[in-house]
């Protein structure tokens, strides 16, 4: 096992490796940014639904009078 790790560490970094790692990092970055954007959108939707429910409850109270 240690021999395999040592052989792996001796390999030079090539252009292909650089592009591969750049792609992995970019993919992870995009996933995190996408999750943050989805969370912000969900919070905005939740707040809008809450305000609409409150507005409808007040409107129903006005109609009962």
PDB file of N, CA and C in Angstrom:
ATOM      1  N   UNK A   1       0.827  -1.195   0.000  1.00  0.00           N
ATOM      2  CA  UNK A   1       0.000   0.000   0.000  1.00  0.00           C
ATOM      3  C   UNK A   1       0.872   1.261   0.000  1.00  0.00           C
ATOM      4  N   UNK A   2       1.888   1.258   0.843  1.00  0.00           N
ATOM      5  CA  UNK A   2       2.769   2.425   0.908  1.00  0.00           C
ATOM      6  C   UNK A   2       3.527   2.612  -0.406  1.00  0.00           C
ATOM      7  N   UNK A   3       3.861   1.491  -1.065  1.00  0.00           N
ATOM      8  CA  UNK A   3       4.577   1.586  -2.332  1.00  0.00           C
ATOM      9  C   UNK A   3       3.688   2.246  -3.389  1.00  0.00           C
ATOM     10  N   UNK A   4       2.399   1.914  -3.384  1.00  0.00           N
ATOM     11  CA  UNK A   4       1.468   2.513  -4.346  1.00  0.00           C
ATOM     12  C   UNK A   4       1.332   4.010  -4.096  1.00  0.00           C
ATOM     13  N   UNK A   5       1.296   4.406  -2.838  1.00  0.00           N
ATOM     14  CA  UNK A   5       1.186   5.829  -2.511  1.00  0.00           C
ATOM     15  C   UNK A   5       2.458   6.564  -2.928  1.00  0.00           C
ATOM     16  N   UNK A   6       3.607   5.968  -2.675  1.00  0.00           N
ATOM     17  CA  UNK A   6       4.871   6.601  -3.065  1.00  0.00           C
ATOM     18  C   UNK A   6       4.967   6.737  -4.583  1.00  0.00           C
ATOM     19  N   UNK A   7       4.551   5.710  -5.315  1.00  0.00           N
ATOM     20  CA  UNK A   7       4.581   5.777  -6.777  1.00  0.00           C
ATOM     21  C   UNK A   7       3.623   6.849  -7.283  1.00  0.00           C
ATOM     22  N   UNK A   8       2.486   6.995  -6.630  1.00  0.00           N
ATOM     23  CA  UNK A   8       1.522   8.017  -7.037  1.00  0.00           C
ATOM     24  C   UNK A   8       2.096   9.415  -6.814  1.00  0.00           C
ATOM     25  N   UNK A   9       2.802   9.602  -5.720  1.00  0.00           N
ATOM     26  CA  UNK A   9       3.356  10.913  -5.402  1.00  0.00           C
ATOM     27  C   UNK A   9       4.525  11.278  -6.325  1.00  0.00           C
ATOM     28  N   UNK A  10       5.184  10.294  -6.921  1.00  0.00           N
ATOM     29  CA  UNK A  10       6.326  10.560  -7.796  1.00  0.00           C
ATOM     30  C   UNK A  10       5.901  10.996  -9.190  1.00  0.00           C
ATOM     31  N   UNK A  11       4.646  10.754  -9.558  1.00  0.00           N
ATOM     32  CA  UNK A  11       4.200  11.098 -10.911  1.00  0.00           C
ATOM     33  C   UNK A  11       4.162  12.616 -11.080  1.00  0.00           C
ATOM     34  N   UNK A  12       4.646  13.115 -12.210  1.00  0.00           N
ATOM     35  CA  UNK A  12       4.591  14.566 -12.439  1.00  0.00           C
ATOM     36  C   UNK A  12       3.162  15.012 -12.747  1.00  0.00           C
ATOM     37  N   UNK A  13       2.881  16.259 -12.447  1.00  0.00           N
ATOM     38  CA  UNK A  13       1.567  16.822 -12.745  1.00  0.00           C
ATOM     39  C   UNK A  13       1.572  17.258 -14.205  1.00  0.00           C
ATOM     40  N   UNK A  14       0.621  16.760 -14.969  1.00  0.00           N
ATOM     41  CA  UNK A  14       0.553  17.070 -16.396  1.00  0.00           C
ATOM     42  C   UNK A  14      -0.556  18.087 -16.645  1.00  0.00           C
ATOM     43  N   UNK A  15      -0.637  18.547 -17.910  1.00  0.00           N
ATOM     44  CA  UNK A  15      -1.706  19.480 -18.272  1.00  0.00           C
ATOM     45  C   UNK A  15      -3.070  18.823 -18.097  1.00  0.00           C
ATOM     46  N   UNK A  16      -3.157  17.556 -18.425  1.00  0.00           N
ATOM     47  CA  UNK A  16      -4.425  16.843 -18.266  1.00  0.00           C
ATOM     48  C   UNK A  16      -4.865  16.805 -16.814  1.00  0.00           C
ATOM     49  N   UNK A  17      -3.916  16.562 -15.917  1.00  0.00           N
ATOM     50  CA  UNK A  17      -4.237  16.567 -14.487  1.00  0.00           C
ATOM     51  C   UNK A  17      -4.707  17.945 -14.038  1.00  0.00           C
ATOM     52  N   UNK A  18      -4.038  18.970 -14.541  1.00  0.00           N
ATOM     53  CA  UNK A  18      -4.415  20.337 -14.167  1.00  0.00           C
ATOM     54  C   UNK A  18      -5.840  20.648 -14.611  1.00  0.00           C
ATOM     55  N   UNK A  19      -6.176  20.277 -15.855  1.00  0.00           N
ATOM     56  CA  UNK A  19      -7.533  20.516 -16.346  1.00  0.00           C
ATOM     57  C   UNK A  19      -8.555  19.694 -15.571  1.00  0.00           C
ATOM     58  N   UNK A  20      -8.189  18.459 -15.236  1.00  0.00           N
ATOM     59  CA  UNK A  20      -9.100  17.596 -14.493  1.00  0.00           C
ATOM     60  C   UNK A  20      -9.400  18.199 -13.119  1.00  0.00           C
ATOM     61  N   UNK A  21      -8.365  18.605 -12.407  1.00  0.00           N
ATOM     62  CA  UNK A  21      -8.568  19.180 -11.078  1.00  0.00           C
ATOM     63  C   UNK A  21      -9.286  20.525 -11.149  1.00  0.00           C
ATOM     64  N   UNK A  22      -9.003  21.298 -12.192  1.00  0.00           N
ATOM     65  CA  UNK A  22      -9.716  22.571 -12.367  1.00  0.00           C
ATOM     66  C   UNK A  22     -11.199  22.316 -12.597  1.00  0.00           C
ATOM     67  N   UNK A  23     -11.512  21.296 -13.383  1.00  0.00           N
ATOM     68  CA  UNK A  23     -12.908  20.942 -13.626  1.00  0.00           C
ATOM     69  C   UNK A  23     -13.614  20.478 -12.365  1.00  0.00           C
ATOM     70  N   UNK A  24     -12.927  19.704 -11.557  1.00  0.00           N
ATOM     71  CA  UNK A  24     -13.514  19.232 -10.299  1.00  0.00           C
ATOM     72  C   UNK A  24     -13.793  20.408  -9.374  1.00  0.00           C
ATOM     73  N   UNK A  25     -12.831  21.302  -9.242  1.00  0.00           N
ATOM     74  CA  UNK A  25     -13.000  22.470  -8.368  1.00  0.00           C
ATOM     75  C   UNK A  25     -14.116  23.367  -8.885  1.00  0.00           C
ATOM     76  N   UNK A  26     -14.159  23.583 -10.195  1.00  0.00           N
ATOM     77  CA  UNK A  26     -15.211  24.414 -10.778  1.00  0.00           C
ATOM     78  C   UNK A  26     -16.585  23.782 -10.571  1.00  0.00           C
ATOM     79  N   UNK A  27     -16.680  22.472 -10.706  1.00  0.00           N
ATOM     80  CA  UNK A  27     -17.946  21.780 -10.473  1.00  0.00           C
ATOM     81  C   UNK A  27     -18.415  21.906  -9.034  1.00  0.00           C
ATOM     82  N   UNK A  28     -17.496  21.753  -8.094  1.00  0.00           N
ATOM     83  CA  UNK A  28     -17.859  21.908  -6.681  1.00  0.00           C
ATOM     84  C   UNK A  28     -18.285  23.338  -6.376  1.00  0.00           C
ATOM     85  N   UNK A  29     -17.578  24.300  -6.948  1.00  0.00           N
ATOM     86  CA  UNK A  29     -17.913  25.710  -6.757  1.00  0.00           C
ATOM     87  C   UNK A  29     -19.310  26.001  -7.305  1.00  0.00           C
ATOM     88  N   UNK A  30     -19.603  25.488  -8.492  1.00  0.00           N
ATOM     89  CA  UNK A  30     -20.921  25.701  -9.095  1.00  0.00           C
ATOM     90  C   UNK A  30     -22.016  25.043  -8.262  1.00  0.00           C
ATOM     91  N   UNK A  31     -21.737  23.878  -7.696  1.00  0.00           N
ATOM     92  CA  UNK A  31     -22.728  23.196  -6.867  1.00  0.00           C
ATOM     93  C   UNK A  31     -23.030  24.006  -5.608  1.00  0.00           C
ATOM     94  N   UNK A  32     -22.011  24.559  -4.992  1.00  0.00           N
ATOM     95  CA  UNK A  32     -22.215  25.365  -3.779  1.00  0.00           C
ATOM     96  C   UNK A  32     -22.985  26.639  -4.105  1.00  0.00           C
ATOM     97  N   UNK A  33     -22.603  27.322  -5.177  1.00  0.00           N
ATOM     98  CA  UNK A  33     -23.303  28.550  -5.574  1.00  0.00           C
ATOM     99  C   UNK A  33     -24.752  28.233  -5.943  1.00  0.00           C
ATOM    100  N   UNK A  34     -24.987  27.121  -6.623  1.00  0.00           N
ATOM    101  CA  UNK A  34     -26.348  26.718  -6.969  1.00  0.00           C
ATOM    102  C   UNK A  34     -27.187  26.422  -5.740  1.00  0.00           C
ATOM    103  N   UNK A  35     -26.602  25.779  -4.754  1.00  0.00           N
ATOM    104  CA  UNK A  35     -27.328  25.483  -3.520  1.00  0.00           C
ATOM    105  C   UNK A  35     -27.673  26.768  -2.775  1.00  0.00           C
ATOM    106  N   UNK A  36     -26.752  27.712  -2.744  1.00  0.00           N
ATOM    107  CA  UNK A  36     -27.016  28.993  -2.080  1.00  0.00           C
ATOM    108  C   UNK A  36     -28.122  29.746  -2.803  1.00  0.00           C
ATOM    109  N   UNK A  37     -28.084  29.760  -4.126  1.00  0.00           N
ATOM    110  CA  UNK A  37     -29.121  30.448  -4.905  1.00  0.00           C
ATOM    111  C   UNK A  37     -30.481  29.795  -4.697  1.00  0.00           C
ATOM    112  N   UNK A  38     -30.528  28.471  -4.666  1.00  0.00           N
ATOM    113  CA  UNK A  38     -31.792  27.770  -4.441  1.00  0.00           C
ATOM    114  C   UNK A  38     -32.335  28.066  -3.047  1.00  0.00           C
ATOM    115  N   UNK A  39     -31.459  28.137  -2.053  1.00  0.00           N
ATOM    116  CA  UNK A  39     -31.892  28.441  -0.691  1.00  0.00           C
ATOM    117  C   UNK A  39     -32.468  29.852  -0.611  1.00  0.00           C
ATOM    118  N   UNK A  40     -31.801  30.814  -1.237  1.00  0.00           N
ATOM    119  CA  UNK A  40     -32.300  32.196  -1.239  1.00  0.00           C
ATOM    120  C   UNK A  40     -33.662  32.281  -1.927  1.00  0.00           C
ATOM    121  N   UNK A  41     -33.817  31.569  -3.029  1.00  0.00           N
ATOM    122  CA  UNK A  41     -35.086  31.570  -3.753  1.00  0.00           C
ATOM    123  C   UNK A  41     -36.187  30.941  -2.901  1.00  0.00           C
ATOM    124  N   UNK A  42     -35.854  29.862  -2.182  1.00  0.00           N
ATOM    125  CA  UNK A  42     -36.831  29.196  -1.327  1.00  0.00           C
ATOM    126  C   UNK A  42     -37.255  30.110  -0.177  1.00  0.00           C
ATOM    127  N   UNK A  43     -36.311  30.828   0.421  1.00  0.00           N
ATOM    128  CA  UNK A  43     -36.624  31.759   1.508  1.00  0.00           C
ATOM    129  C   UNK A  43     -37.547  32.862   1.003  1.00  0.00           C
ATOM    130  N   UNK A  44     -37.275  33.397  -0.179  1.00  0.00           N
ATOM    131  CA  UNK A  44     -38.127  34.447  -0.745  1.00  0.00           C
ATOM    132  C   UNK A  44     -39.531  33.911  -1.008  1.00  0.00           C
ATOM    133  N   UNK A  45     -39.635  32.699  -1.528  1.00  0.00           N
ATOM    134  CA  UNK A  45     -40.943  32.096  -1.788  1.00  0.00           C
ATOM    135  C   UNK A  45     -41.702  31.868  -0.485  1.00  0.00           C
ATOM    136  N   UNK A  46     -40.998  31.404   0.528  1.00  0.00           N
ATOM    137  CA  UNK A  46     -41.615  31.137   1.826  1.00  0.00           C
ATOM    138  C   UNK A  46     -42.142  32.433   2.443  1.00  0.00           C
ATOM    139  N   UNK A  47     -41.359  33.510   2.380  1.00  0.00           N
ATOM    140  CA  UNK A  47     -41.795  34.800   2.913  1.00  0.00           C
ATOM    141  C   UNK A  47     -43.000  35.329   2.153  1.00  0.00           C
ATOM    142  N   UNK A  48     -42.995  35.170   0.842  1.00  0.00           N
ATOM    143  CA  UNK A  48     -44.112  35.641   0.030  1.00  0.00           C
ATOM    144  C   UNK A  48     -45.386  34.867   0.374  1.00  0.00           C
ATOM    145  N   UNK A  49     -45.276  33.565   0.548  1.00  0.00           N
ATOM    146  CA  UNK A  49     -46.434  32.748   0.906  1.00  0.00           C
ATOM    147  C   UNK A  49     -46.955  33.133   2.290  1.00  0.00           C
ATOM    148  N   UNK A  50     -46.057  33.424   3.208  1.00  0.00           N
ATOM    149  CA  UNK A  50     -46.450  33.836   4.554  1.00  0.00           C
ATOM    150  C   UNK A  50     -47.219  35.156   4.518  1.00  0.00           C
ATOM    151  N   UNK A  51     -46.703  36.122   3.755  1.00  0.00           N
ATOM    152  CA  UNK A  51     -47.386  37.414   3.641  1.00  0.00           C
ATOM    153  C   UNK A  51     -48.747  37.258   2.982  1.00  0.00           C
ATOM    154  N   UNK A  52     -48.837  36.398   1.974  1.00  0.00           N
ATOM    155  CA  UNK A  52     -50.101  36.179   1.283  1.00  0.00           C
ATOM    156  C   UNK A  52     -51.120  35.540   2.217  1.00  0.00           C
ATOM    157  N   UNK A  53     -50.693  34.580   3.023  1.00  0.00           N
ATOM    158  CA  UNK A  53     -51.604  33.959   3.990  1.00  0.00           C
ATOM    159  C   UNK A  53     -52.093  34.979   5.007  1.00  0.00           C
ATOM    160  N   UNK A  54     -51.200  35.832   5.479  1.00  0.00           N
ATOM    161  CA  UNK A  54     -51.587  36.858   6.440  1.00  0.00           C
ATOM    162  C   UNK A  54     -52.575  37.835   5.805  1.00  0.00           C
ATOM    163  N   UNK A  55     -52.310  38.245   4.562  1.00  0.00           N
ATOM    164  CA  UNK A  55     -53.199  39.165   3.847  1.00  0.00           C
ATOM    165  C   UNK A  55     -54.573  38.532   3.658  1.00  0.00           C
ATOM    166  N   UNK A  56     -54.610  37.263   3.268  1.00  0.00           N
ATOM    167  CA  UNK A  56     -55.892  36.591   3.057  1.00  0.00           C
ATOM    168  C   UNK A  56     -56.666  36.441   4.360  1.00  0.00           C
ATOM    169  N   UNK A  57     -55.980  36.211   5.464  1.00  0.00           N
ATOM    170  CA  UNK A  57     -56.685  36.076   6.739  1.00  0.00           C
ATOM    171  C   UNK A  57     -57.286  37.419   7.157  1.00  0.00           C
ATOM    172  N   UNK A  58     -56.568  38.532   6.922  1.00  0.00           N
ATOM    173  CA  UNK A  58     -57.127  39.843   7.233  1.00  0.00           C
ATOM    174  C   UNK A  58     -58.296  40.165   6.310  1.00  0.00           C
ATOM    175  N   UNK A  59     -58.193  39.797   5.054  1.00  0.00           N
ATOM    176  CA  UNK A  59     -59.261  40.057   4.100  1.00  0.00           C
ATOM    177  C   UNK A  59     -60.512  39.260   4.469  1.00  0.00           C
ATOM    178  N   UNK A  60     -60.331  38.020   4.928  1.00  0.00           N
ATOM    179  CA  UNK A  60     -61.472  37.209   5.355  1.00  0.00           C
ATOM    180  C   UNK A  60     -62.130  37.808   6.585  1.00  0.00           C
ATOM    181  N   UNK A  61     -61.326  38.385   7.475  1.00  0.00           N
ATOM    182  CA  UNK A  61     -61.893  39.014   8.666  1.00  0.00           C
ATOM    183  C   UNK A  61     -62.717  40.234   8.269  1.00  0.00           C
ATOM    184  N   UNK A  62     -62.272  41.000   7.277  1.00  0.00           N
ATOM    185  CA  UNK A  62     -63.026  42.165   6.818  1.00  0.00           C
ATOM    186  C   UNK A  62     -64.340  41.744   6.176  1.00  0.00           C
ATOM    187  N   UNK A  63     -64.350  40.629   5.481  1.00  0.00           N
ATOM    188  CA  UNK A  63     -65.573  40.165   4.828  1.00  0.00           C
ATOM    189  C   UNK A  63     -66.595  39.654   5.829  1.00  0.00           C
ATOM    190  N   UNK A  64     -66.170  39.225   6.990  1.00  0.00           N
ATOM    191  CA  UNK A  64     -67.089  38.704   7.988  1.00  0.00           C
ATOM    192  C   UNK A  64     -67.829  39.826   8.702  1.00  0.00           C
ATOM    193  N   UNK A  65     -67.280  41.006   8.699  1.00  0.00           N
ATOM    194  CA  UNK A  65     -67.900  42.118   9.426  1.00  0.00           C
ATOM    195  C   UNK A  65     -69.057  42.682   8.689  1.00  0.00           C
TER     196      UNK A  65
END
